[in-house]
C-alpha atoms as a PDB file:
ATOM      1  CA  MET A   1      80.890  84.636 101.884  1.00  0.00           C
ATOM      2  CA  GLY A   2      77.321  84.434 103.152  1.00  0.00           C
ATOM      3  CA  ARG A   3      77.546  81.139 105.055  1.00  0.00           C
ATOM      4  CA  SER A   4      77.238  81.323 108.860  1.00  0.00           C
ATOM      5  CA  ARG A   5      79.647  79.515 111.177  1.00  0.00           C
ATOM      6  CA  ILE A   6      79.781  78.694 114.860  1.00  0.00           C
ATOM      7  CA  GLY A   7      80.451  81.824 116.925  1.00  0.00           C
ATOM      8  CA  LEU A   8      81.044  83.979 113.864  1.00  0.00           C
ATOM      9  CA  PRO A   9      78.429  85.791 111.744  1.00  0.00           C
ATOM     10  CA  PRO A  10      78.647  85.985 107.945  1.00  0.00           C
ATOM     11  CA  ALA A  11      81.128  88.601 106.786  1.00  0.00           C
ATOM     12  CA  SER A  12      79.965  91.782 105.117  1.00  0.00           C
ATOM     13  CA  THR A  13      81.712  92.877 101.930  1.00  0.00           C
ATOM     14  CA  LEU A  14      83.292  96.055 100.680  1.00  0.00           C
ATOM     15  CA  SER A  15      84.391  96.055  97.038  1.00  0.00           C
ATOM     16  CA  VAL A  16      86.334  98.454  94.848  1.00  0.00           C
ATOM     17  CA  ARG A  17      86.625  95.980  91.950  1.00  0.00           C
ATOM     18  CA  GLN A  18      85.222  96.751  88.525  1.00  0.00           C
ATOM     19  CA  LEU A  19      85.466  93.094  87.468  1.00  0.00           C
ATOM     20  CA  PRO A  20      85.770  89.697  89.215  1.00  0.00           C
ATOM     21  CA  ARG A  21      89.128  89.210  87.454  1.00  0.00           C
ATOM     22  CA  GLY A  22      91.504  92.037  86.565  1.00  0.00           C
ATOM     23  CA  GLY A  23      90.004  95.430  85.818  1.00  0.00           C
ATOM     24  CA  GLY A  24      90.451  98.737  87.567  1.00  0.00           C
ATOM     25  CA  VAL A  25      89.386 100.411  90.790  1.00  0.00           C
ATOM     26  CA  ALA A  26      85.722 101.315  91.263  1.00  0.00           C
ATOM     27  CA  PRO A  27      84.066 103.569  93.846  1.00  0.00           C
ATOM     28  CA  VAL A  28      82.971 101.916  97.080  1.00  0.00           C
ATOM     29  CA  HIS A  29      79.525 100.473  96.400  1.00  0.00           C
ATOM     30  CA  PRO A  30      77.841 100.488  99.855  1.00  0.00           C
ATOM     31  CA  ASP A  31      76.739 103.861 101.189  1.00  0.00           C
ATOM     32  CA  HIS A  32      78.130 102.940 104.572  1.00  0.00           C
ATOM     33  CA  LEU A  33      79.982 100.259 106.476  1.00  0.00           C
ATOM     34  CA  PRO A  34      77.948  97.954 108.725  1.00  0.00           C
ATOM     35  CA  ARG A  35      78.063  99.239 112.299  1.00  0.00           C
ATOM     36  CA  GLN A  36      76.017  96.737 114.236  1.00  0.00           C
ATOM     37  CA  LYS A  37      78.971  96.472 116.619  1.00  0.00           C
ATOM     38  CA  PRO A  38      81.398  99.189 117.732  1.00  0.00           C
ATOM     39  CA  GLU A  39      84.390  97.394 116.195  1.00  0.00           C
ATOM     40  CA  LEU A  40      84.944  96.623 112.523  1.00  0.00           C
ATOM     41  CA  LEU A  41      87.652  94.227 111.339  1.00  0.00           C
ATOM     42  CA  ILE A  42      88.472  94.686 107.646  1.00  0.00           C
ATOM     43  CA  LEU A  43      90.303  91.858 105.851  1.00  0.00           C
ATOM     44  CA  VAL A  44      92.487  92.878 102.890  1.00  0.00           C
ATOM     45  CA  HIS A  45      93.830  90.221 100.500  1.00  0.00           C
ATOM     46  CA  GLY A  46      97.068  90.603  98.582  1.00  0.00           C
ATOM     47  CA  PHE A  47      98.568  90.562  95.105  1.00  0.00           C
ATOM     48  CA  ASN A  48      97.404  88.385  92.200  1.00  0.00           C
ATOM     49  CA  VAL A  49      94.121  87.334  93.862  1.00  0.00           C
ATOM     50  CA  THR A  50      90.847  87.229  91.907  1.00  0.00           C
ATOM     51  CA  LYS A  51      87.419  87.791  93.453  1.00  0.00           C
ATOM     52  CA  THR A  52      86.880  84.016  93.549  1.00  0.00           C
ATOM     53  CA  GLY A  53      90.310  83.438  95.035  1.00  0.00           C
ATOM     54  CA  ALA A  54      89.672  86.033  97.736  1.00  0.00           C
ATOM     55  CA  ASP A  55      86.340  84.389  98.575  1.00  0.00           C
ATOM     56  CA  SER A  56      88.077  81.065  99.112  1.00  0.00           C
ATOM     57  CA  THR A  57      90.883  82.593 101.170  1.00  0.00           C
ATOM     58  CA  TYR A  58      88.569  84.575 103.416  1.00  0.00           C
ATOM     59  CA  GLU A  59      86.267  81.588 103.930  1.00  0.00           C
ATOM     60  CA  LYS A  60      89.128  79.350 105.086  1.00  0.00           C
ATOM     61  CA  PHE A  61      90.528  82.031 107.386  1.00  0.00           C
ATOM     62  CA  LEU A  62      87.171  82.823 108.972  1.00  0.00           C
ATOM     63  CA  ASP A  63      86.470  79.146 109.619  1.00  0.00           C
ATOM     64  CA  LYS A  64      89.849  78.822 111.338  1.00  0.00           C
ATOM     65  CA  LEU A  65      89.314  82.064 113.251  1.00  0.00           C
ATOM     66  CA  ALA A  66      85.877  80.924 114.433  1.00  0.00           C
ATOM     67  CA  SER A  67      87.426  77.749 115.796  1.00  0.00           C
ATOM     68  CA  VAL A  68      90.114  79.686 117.673  1.00  0.00           C
ATOM     69  CA  LEU A  69      87.630  82.175 119.141  1.00  0.00           C
ATOM     70  CA  GLN A  70      85.281  79.431 120.211  1.00  0.00           C
ATOM     71  CA  ARG A  71      88.136  77.633 121.944  1.00  0.00           C
ATOM     72  CA  HIS A  72      88.930  80.791 123.899  1.00  0.00           C
ATOM     73  CA  GLY A  73      85.274  81.578 124.604  1.00  0.00           C
ATOM     74  CA  ARG A  74      85.423  84.918 122.752  1.00  0.00           C
ATOM     75  CA  GLY A  75      82.843  84.397 120.006  1.00  0.00           C
ATOM     76  CA  HIS A  76      80.332  86.636 121.747  1.00  0.00           C
ATOM     77  CA  ARG A  77      82.773  89.585 121.577  1.00  0.00           C
ATOM     78  CA  MET A  78      83.133  89.290 117.841  1.00  0.00           C
ATOM     79  CA  SER A  79      83.690  92.437 115.834  1.00  0.00           C
ATOM     80  CA  GLU A  80      81.767  93.005 112.645  1.00  0.00           C
ATOM     81  CA  ILE A  81      83.944  91.476 109.919  1.00  0.00           C
ATOM     82  CA  VAL A  82      84.223  93.074 106.485  1.00  0.00           C
ATOM     83  CA  SER A  83      85.901  91.358 103.514  1.00  0.00           C
ATOM     84  CA  LEU A  84      87.535  93.859 101.151  1.00  0.00           C
ATOM     85  CA  TYR A  85      87.936  93.095  97.436  1.00  0.00           C
ATOM     86  CA  TRP A  86      90.339  95.140  95.339  1.00  0.00           C
ATOM     87  CA  PRO A  87      91.895  94.589  91.857  1.00  0.00           C
ATOM     88  CA  GLY A  88      95.390  93.386  92.725  1.00  0.00           C
ATOM     89  CA  ASP A  89      95.386  90.838  89.872  1.00  0.00           C
ATOM     90  CA  PRO A  90      96.394  92.647  86.663  1.00  0.00           C
ATOM     91  CA  THR A  91      95.600  90.736  83.469  1.00  0.00           C
ATOM     92  CA  VAL A  92      96.797  90.630  79.855  1.00  0.00           C
ATOM     93  CA  LEU A  93      94.111  89.522  77.393  1.00  0.00           C
ATOM     94  CA  GLY A  94      92.066  88.261  80.332  1.00  0.00           C
ATOM     95  CA  ILE A  95      94.917  86.166  81.781  1.00  0.00           C
ATOM     96  CA  ARG A  96      96.460  87.045  85.139  1.00  0.00           C
ATOM     97  CA  CYS A  97      99.971  88.440  84.703  1.00  0.00           C
ATOM     98  CA  PRO A  98     102.150  88.650  87.843  1.00  0.00           C
ATOM     99  CA  LEU A  99     104.798  90.498  85.823  1.00  0.00           C
ATOM    100  CA  LYS A 100     102.496  93.529  85.810  1.00  0.00           C
ATOM    101  CA  PHE A 101     103.351  94.218  89.437  1.00  0.00           C
ATOM    102  CA  ARG A 102     103.648  97.921  88.742  1.00  0.00           C
ATOM    103  CA  HIS A 103      99.993  97.999  87.695  1.00  0.00           C
ATOM    104  CA  ALA A 104      99.033  96.126  90.876  1.00  0.00           C
ATOM    105  CA  VAL A 105     100.909  98.693  92.991  1.00  0.00           C
ATOM    106  CA  GLU A 106      99.109 101.499  91.171  1.00  0.00           C
ATOM    107  CA  ASN A 107      95.774  99.809  91.903  1.00  0.00           C
ATOM    108  CA  ALA A 108      96.781  99.373  95.548  1.00  0.00           C
ATOM    109  CA  ARG A 109      97.414 103.116  95.789  1.00  0.00           C
ATOM    110  CA  LYS A 110      94.197 103.969  93.972  1.00  0.00           C
ATOM    111  CA  THR A 111      92.280 101.617  96.254  1.00  0.00           C
ATOM    112  CA  ALA A 112      93.804 103.350  99.267  1.00  0.00           C
ATOM    113  CA  GLY A 113      92.717 106.725  97.902  1.00  0.00           C
ATOM    114  CA  VAL A 114      89.136 105.521  97.439  1.00  0.00           C
ATOM    115  CA  LEU A 115      89.057 103.987 100.920  1.00  0.00           C
ATOM    116  CA  SER A 116      90.539 106.964 102.751  1.00  0.00           C
ATOM    117  CA  GLU A 117      88.068 109.274 101.026  1.00  0.00           C
ATOM    118  CA  PHE A 118      85.267 106.871 101.948  1.00  0.00           C
ATOM    119  CA  PHE A 119      86.306 106.749 105.612  1.00  0.00           C
ATOM    120  CA  ASN A 120      86.771 110.514 105.781  1.00  0.00           C
ATOM    121  CA  ARG A 121      83.208 110.914 104.557  1.00  0.00           C
ATOM    122  CA  GLN A 122      81.667 108.138 106.690  1.00  0.00           C
ATOM    123  CA  ALA A 123      83.326 109.266 109.909  1.00  0.00           C
ATOM    124  CA  GLU A 124      80.952 112.198 110.214  1.00  0.00           C
ATOM    125  CA  GLY A 125      78.218 109.790 111.322  1.00  0.00           C
ATOM    126  CA  TRP A 126      80.297 107.675 113.721  1.00  0.00           C
ATOM    127  CA  ASN A 127      79.777 107.677 117.460  1.00  0.00           C
ATOM    128  CA  GLU A 128      82.607 107.960 119.973  1.00  0.00           C
ATOM    129  CA  SER A 129      82.985 104.200 120.421  1.00  0.00           C
ATOM    130  CA  GLN A 130      83.480 103.305 116.737  1.00  0.00           C
ATOM    131  CA  ARG A 131      86.806 101.595 115.993  1.00  0.00           C
ATOM    132  CA  ILE A 132      88.238 100.171 112.762  1.00  0.00           C
ATOM    133  CA  ARG A 133      90.820  97.376 112.617  1.00  0.00           C
ATOM    134  CA  PHE A 134      92.752  96.211 109.555  1.00  0.00           C
ATOM    135  CA  LEU A 135      94.235  92.794 108.813  1.00  0.00           C
ATOM    136  CA  GLY A 136      96.142  92.694 105.540  1.00  0.00           C
ATOM    137  CA  HIS A 137      98.245  90.200 103.602  1.00  0.00           C
ATOM    138  CA  SER A 138     101.065  90.836 101.116  1.00  0.00           C
ATOM    139  CA  LEU A 139     100.341  93.868  98.902  1.00  0.00           C
ATOM    140  CA  GLY A 140      97.110  94.352 100.836  1.00  0.00           C
ATOM    141  CA  CYS A 141      99.327  95.785 103.587  1.00  0.00           C
ATOM    142  CA  ARG A 142     100.288  98.584 101.185  1.00  0.00           C
ATOM    143  CA  VAL A 143      96.578  99.284 100.693  1.00  0.00           C
ATOM    144  CA  ILE A 144      96.156  99.580 104.455  1.00  0.00           C
ATOM    145  CA  LEU A 145      99.161 101.826 105.067  1.00  0.00           C
ATOM    146  CA  GLU A 146      98.321 104.255 102.269  1.00  0.00           C
ATOM    147  CA  THR A 147      94.674 104.324 103.385  1.00  0.00           C
ATOM    148  CA  LEU A 148      95.823 105.381 106.847  1.00  0.00           C
ATOM    149  CA  LEU A 149      98.140 107.950 105.271  1.00  0.00           C
ATOM    150  CA  GLY A 150      95.153 109.545 103.529  1.00  0.00           C
ATOM    151  CA  LEU A 151      92.922 109.939 106.599  1.00  0.00           C
ATOM    152  CA  LYS A 152      92.021 113.453 107.605  1.00  0.00           C
ATOM    153  CA  ASP A 153      93.347 114.941 110.840  1.00  0.00           C
ATOM    154  CA  GLY A 154      91.544 113.753 113.936  1.00  0.00           C
ATOM    155  CA  LEU A 155      90.403 110.428 112.465  1.00  0.00           C
ATOM    156  CA  ALA A 156      93.499 108.228 112.759  1.00  0.00           C
ATOM    157  CA  TRP A 157      92.881 107.325 116.427  1.00  0.00           C
ATOM    158  CA  ARG A 158      89.777 105.321 115.466  1.00  0.00           C
ATOM    159  CA  PHE A 159      91.968 102.868 113.529  1.00  0.00           C
ATOM    160  CA  ASP A 160      93.410 101.336 116.665  1.00  0.00           C
ATOM    161  CA  ARG A 161      94.776  97.904 115.638  1.00  0.00           C
ATOM    162  CA  ILE A 162      96.655  96.937 112.492  1.00  0.00           C
ATOM    163  CA  ALA A 163      97.989  93.507 111.516  1.00  0.00           C
ATOM    164  CA  LEU A 164     100.431  93.244 108.597  1.00  0.00           C
ATOM    165  CA  VAL A 165     100.904  89.655 107.421  1.00  0.00           C
ATOM    166  CA  ALA A 166     103.662  88.745 104.930  1.00  0.00           C
ATOM    167  CA  ALA A 167     103.756  92.454 104.095  1.00  0.00           C
ATOM    168  CA  ALA A 168     104.983  93.328 100.583  1.00  0.00           C
ATOM    169  CA  VAL A 169     106.185  96.719 101.825  1.00  0.00           C
ATOM    170  CA  GLY A 170     109.828  97.768 102.060  1.00  0.00           C
ATOM    171  CA  GLU A 171     111.270  98.285 105.520  1.00  0.00           C
ATOM    172  CA  ASN A 172     112.985 101.531 104.498  1.00  0.00           C
ATOM    173  CA  GLN A 173     109.757 102.924 103.113  1.00  0.00           C
ATOM    174  CA  MET A 174     107.869 102.094 106.293  1.00  0.00           C
ATOM    175  CA  CYS A 175     110.371 102.594 109.102  1.00  0.00           C
ATOM    176  CA  SER A 176     113.401 104.602 108.005  1.00  0.00           C
ATOM    177  CA  THR A 177     113.870 108.138 109.301  1.00  0.00           C
ATOM    178  CA  THR A 178     116.049 109.103 106.323  1.00  0.00           C
ATOM    179  CA  TRP A 179     114.495 107.344 103.312  1.00  0.00           C
ATOM    180  CA  ASN A 180     112.763 109.665 100.880  1.00  0.00           C
ATOM    181  CA  GLY A 181     110.746 108.035  98.128  1.00  0.00           C
ATOM    182  CA  HIS A 182     110.702 111.217  96.076  1.00  0.00           C
ATOM    183  CA  THR A 183     114.452 111.242  95.452  1.00  0.00           C
ATOM    184  CA  ARG A 184     114.070 109.296  92.193  1.00  0.00           C
ATOM    185  CA  GLY A 185     110.997 110.973  90.778  1.00  0.00           C
ATOM    186  CA  SER A 186     107.522 109.435  90.734  1.00  0.00           C
ATOM    187  CA  LEU A 187     107.758 107.355  93.906  1.00  0.00           C
ATOM    188  CA  PRO A 188     105.294 107.307  96.812  1.00  0.00           C
ATOM    189  CA  PRO A 189     106.028 109.202 100.010  1.00  0.00           C
ATOM    190  CA  SER A 190     107.456 107.605 103.113  1.00  0.00           C
ATOM    191  CA  LEU A 191     104.910 105.612 105.104  1.00  0.00           C
ATOM    192  CA  ARG A 192     106.670 106.367 108.388  1.00  0.00           C
ATOM    193  CA  PRO A 193     104.141 109.076 109.400  1.00  0.00           C
ATOM    194  CA  VAL A 194     101.478 106.347 109.566  1.00  0.00           C
ATOM    195  CA  ILE A 195     103.602 104.350 112.004  1.00  0.00           C
ATOM    196  CA  GLN A 196     103.926 107.405 114.235  1.00  0.00           C
ATOM    197  CA  GLN A 197     100.197 108.165 114.420  1.00  0.00           C
ATOM    198  CA  GLY A 198      98.776 107.967 117.942  1.00  0.00           C
ATOM    199  CA  SER A 199      99.025 104.915 120.183  1.00  0.00           C
ATOM    200  CA  ARG A 200      97.882 102.396 117.585  1.00  0.00           C
ATOM    201  CA  ALA A 201      98.786  98.725 118.208  1.00  0.00           C
ATOM    202  CA  TRP A 202     100.692  97.019 115.394  1.00  0.00           C
ATOM    203  CA  THR A 203     101.282  93.329 114.714  1.00  0.00           C
ATOM    204  CA  ILE A 204     103.667  92.049 112.038  1.00  0.00           C
ATOM    205  CA  LEU A 205     103.856  88.378 111.063  1.00  0.00           C
ATOM    206  CA  PHE A 206     106.886  87.559 108.926  1.00  0.00           C
ATOM    207  CA  SER A 207     108.972  84.606 107.780  1.00  0.00           C
ATOM    208  CA  PRO A 208     112.499  84.369 106.354  1.00  0.00           C
ATOM    209  CA  TYR A 209     111.231  81.268 104.513  1.00  0.00           C
ATOM    210  CA  ASP A 210     108.894  83.405 102.390  1.00  0.00           C
ATOM    211  CA  ILE A 211     110.218  82.665  98.903  1.00  0.00           C
ATOM    212  CA  VAL A 212     107.888  85.159  97.199  1.00  0.00           C
ATOM    213  CA  LEU A 213     109.145  88.083  99.266  1.00  0.00           C
ATOM    214  CA  MET A 214     112.753  86.922  99.231  1.00  0.00           C
ATOM    215  CA  CYS A 215     113.001  86.450  95.458  1.00  0.00           C
ATOM    216  CA  LEU A 216     110.173  88.353  93.786  1.00  0.00           C
ATOM    217  CA  PHE A 217     109.673  91.443  95.961  1.00  0.00           C
ATOM    218  CA  PRO A 218     113.042  93.036  95.046  1.00  0.00           C
ATOM    219  CA  PHE A 219     112.344  92.402  91.347  1.00  0.00           C
ATOM    220  CA  GLY A 220     108.748  93.635  91.606  1.00  0.00           C
ATOM    221  CA  SER A 221     109.828  96.812  93.383  1.00  0.00           C
ATOM    222  CA  ARG A 222     112.181  97.677  90.550  1.00  0.00           C
ATOM    223  CA  VAL A 223     109.470  96.910  87.988  1.00  0.00           C
ATOM    224  CA  ALA A 224     107.201  99.299  89.913  1.00  0.00           C
ATOM    225  CA  ARG A 225     110.001 101.919  89.857  1.00  0.00           C
ATOM    226  CA  GLU A 226     110.234 101.882  93.652  1.00  0.00           C
ATOM    227  CA  PHE A 227     113.927 101.877  94.508  1.00  0.00           C
ATOM    228  CA  ASP A 228     115.883 101.525  97.765  1.00  0.00           C
ATOM    229  CA  VAL A 229     112.816 100.384  99.698  1.00  0.00           C
ATOM    230  CA  GLY A 230     114.795  97.678 101.500  1.00  0.00           C
ATOM    231  CA  ASP A 231     113.787  94.119 102.323  1.00  0.00           C
ATOM    232  CA  ALA A 232     110.109  93.321 102.534  1.00  0.00           C
ATOM    233  CA  VAL A 233     108.752  93.704 106.062  1.00  0.00           C
ATOM    234  CA  GLY A 234     107.046  90.331 105.629  1.00  0.00           C
ATOM    235  CA  PHE A 235     110.440  88.702 104.972  1.00  0.00           C
ATOM    236  CA  LYS A 236     112.719  90.236 107.618  1.00  0.00           C
ATOM    237  CA  GLY A 237     110.228  91.785 110.024  1.00  0.00           C
ATOM    238  CA  ALA A 238     110.815  95.332 111.226  1.00  0.00           C
ATOM    239  CA  PRO A 239     114.048  95.454 113.270  1.00  0.00           C
ATOM    240  CA  ALA A 240     113.519  99.143 113.967  1.00  0.00           C
ATOM    241  CA  TRP A 241     110.503  98.183 116.084  1.00  0.00           C
ATOM    242  CA  LYS A 242     112.256  95.855 118.501  1.00  0.00           C
ATOM    243  CA  ASP A 243     112.069  98.274 121.449  1.00  0.00           C
ATOM    244  CA  SER A 244     108.499  99.499 120.839  1.00  0.00           C
ATOM    245  CA  PRO A 245     105.991  97.801 123.193  1.00  0.00           C
ATOM    246  CA  GLU A 246     102.993  98.757 121.031  1.00  0.00           C
ATOM    247  CA  LYS A 247     104.596  97.186 117.946  1.00  0.00           C
ATOM    248  CA  HIS A 248     104.809  93.387 117.975  1.00  0.00           C
ATOM    249  CA  ALA A 249     106.682  91.419 115.282  1.00  0.00           C
ATOM    250  CA  GLU A 250     106.578  87.618 115.226  1.00  0.00           C
ATOM    251  CA  ASP A 251     108.871  85.317 113.240  1.00  0.00           C
ATOM    252  CA  LEU A 252     106.679  82.473 111.921  1.00  0.00           C
ATOM    253  CA  ARG A 253     109.266  80.469 110.023  1.00  0.00           C
ATOM    254  CA  PRO A 254     108.920  78.106 108.200  1.00  0.00           C
ATOM    255  CA  LEU A 255     105.641  79.543 106.834  1.00  0.00           C
ATOM    256  CA  ASP A 256     105.661  80.459 103.149  1.00  0.00           C
ATOM    257  CA  HIS A 257     103.838  83.401 101.618  1.00  0.00           C
ATOM    258  CA  ASP A 258     100.315  82.003 101.249  1.00  0.00           C
ATOM    259  CA  GLU A 259     100.224  79.791 104.350  1.00  0.00           C
ATOM    260  CA  TYR A 260      99.389  82.395 107.004  1.00  0.00           C
ATOM    261  CA  TRP A 261      95.627  82.470 106.368  1.00  0.00           C
ATOM    262  CA  ILE A 262      95.182  78.879 107.551  1.00  0.00           C
ATOM    263  CA  ALA A 263      98.247  78.223 109.739  1.00  0.00           C
ATOM    264  CA  GLU A 264      97.225  77.603 113.347  1.00  0.00           C
ATOM    265  CA  SER A 265     100.139  79.633 114.751  1.00  0.00           C
ATOM    266  CA  ALA A 266      99.307  82.661 112.598  1.00  0.00           C
ATOM    267  CA  VAL A 267      95.567  82.594 113.267  1.00  0.00           C
ATOM    268  CA  GLU A 268      96.169  82.260 117.013  1.00  0.00           C
ATOM    269  CA  LEU A 269      98.383  85.350 116.948  1.00  0.00           C
ATOM    270  CA  LEU A 270      95.914  87.311 114.853  1.00  0.00           C
ATOM    271  CA  ALA A 271      93.057  86.357 117.163  1.00  0.00           C
ATOM    272  CA  GLY A 272      95.129  87.648 120.054  1.00  0.00           C
ATOM    273  CA  ALA A 273      95.985  90.879 118.254  1.00  0.00           C
ATOM    274  CA  MET A 274      92.439  91.628 117.105  1.00  0.00           C
ATOM    275  CA  PHE A 275      90.271  90.098 119.853  1.00  0.00           C
ATOM    276  CA  ASP A 276      92.462  89.912 122.979  1.00  0.00           C
ATOM    277  CA  THR A 277      92.615  86.129 123.130  1.00  0.00           C
ATOM    278  CA  PRO A 278      95.741  84.651 124.761  1.00  0.00           C
ATOM    279  CA  MET A 279      98.407  85.021 122.101  1.00  0.00           C
ATOM    280  CA  TYR A 280     100.149  81.908 120.810  1.00  0.00           C
ATOM    281  CA  ALA A 281     103.536  81.585 122.512  1.00  0.00           C
ATOM    282  CA  ARG A 282     105.979  79.963 120.091  1.00  0.00           C
ATOM    283  CA  PRO A 283     109.103  78.214 121.439  1.00  0.00           C
ATOM    284  CA  ARG A 284     112.100  80.327 120.491  1.00  0.00           C
ATOM    285  CA  ALA A 285     115.126  78.379 121.758  1.00  0.00           C
ATOM    286  CA  HIS A 286     115.696  76.571 118.452  1.00  0.00           C
ATOM    287  CA  VAL A 287     115.175  79.599 116.215  1.00  0.00           C
ATOM    288  CA  LEU A 288     118.321  81.295 114.932  1.00  0.00           C
ATOM    289  CA  PRO A 289     118.481  84.564 113.002  1.00  0.00           C
ATOM    290  CA  ILE A 290     118.896  83.841 109.305  1.00  0.00           C
ATOM    291  CA  HIS A 291     122.386  85.352 109.232  1.00  0.00           C
ATOM    292  CA  ALA A 292     123.462  82.945 112.026  1.00  0.00           C
ATOM    293  CA  LEU A 293     122.733  79.818 109.974  1.00  0.00           C
ATOM    294  CA  PRO A 294     125.705  78.161 108.226  1.00  0.00           C
ATOM    295  CA  ARG A 295     125.319  78.810 104.508  1.00  0.00           C
ATOM    296  CA  HIS A 296     125.114  75.109 103.598  1.00  0.00           C
ATOM    297  CA  GLN A 297     122.308  74.640 106.137  1.00  0.00           C
ATOM    298  CA  ALA A 298     120.436  77.699 104.909  1.00  0.00           C
ATOM    299  CA  VAL A 299     120.596  76.435 101.342  1.00  0.00           C
ATOM    300  CA  ALA A 300     119.425  72.971 102.400  1.00  0.00           C
ATOM    301  CA  ASP A 301     116.526  74.513 104.304  1.00  0.00           C
ATOM    302  CA  GLY A 302     115.520  76.643 101.336  1.00  0.00           C
ATOM    303  CA  THR A 303     116.277  79.792 103.301  1.00  0.00           C
ATOM    304  CA  LEU A 304     118.666  81.065 100.635  1.00  0.00           C
END
């Protein structure tokens, strides 16, 4: 991650991994985040990604982002970029095991606890202009939301822009006013309080063509003993947000789960959300809600 690119400096790193593959959650190694610029953008990878895999993903995304920013003449306004590494790739005998989703969720929550404690401690030395922005993918969105949930009072306003991409987080858990995760025992609390914090700007990128979230998220949630969480936000979006101007959800069909990092449409939108470039305007006339498609067409498309 040390290579420089046009208009974009090398990314700094923040790691809570004990091992490059598998392993548990470690304390944050740096004593502080880099603050050469008043804005930090923290990238958070998702489930089943090794340290090497995250390196490759971040590198491809940052190259694409640099190209977009250069095209819009915004490279000089670049935030400091930080690549986060966390152990979302549980292993069995050294081999990655996606079936251990419950362990990955536990590590996501532990990572969030370490990060929120870290930010609560670091904030004492921040000046008034310091802002933190998060861009997460898949289960990395859970890391972000629970990190925000753990911030001490008076700190949340500094985290002013959040992008959730292909979010492996249930809509009920994040948006519902009635869902209570504690009703079945050892479940996490509702994440709705995070959504209600301050005037934070939110961006959700989702796709009803996301096979991972359509097929595996419901199964993984049950494995993790998280019930009634609803459809993944990265699959259906967040319908409850449709009338909230500070909350933007974009349907990026036909993107699949791992395509957002390098898809031109997604990177354009993320550049707009994080750096105020003109946001990519996608033609909508031909796009029908998934429930409006004839079943035979949906099956042929791979939607069902």
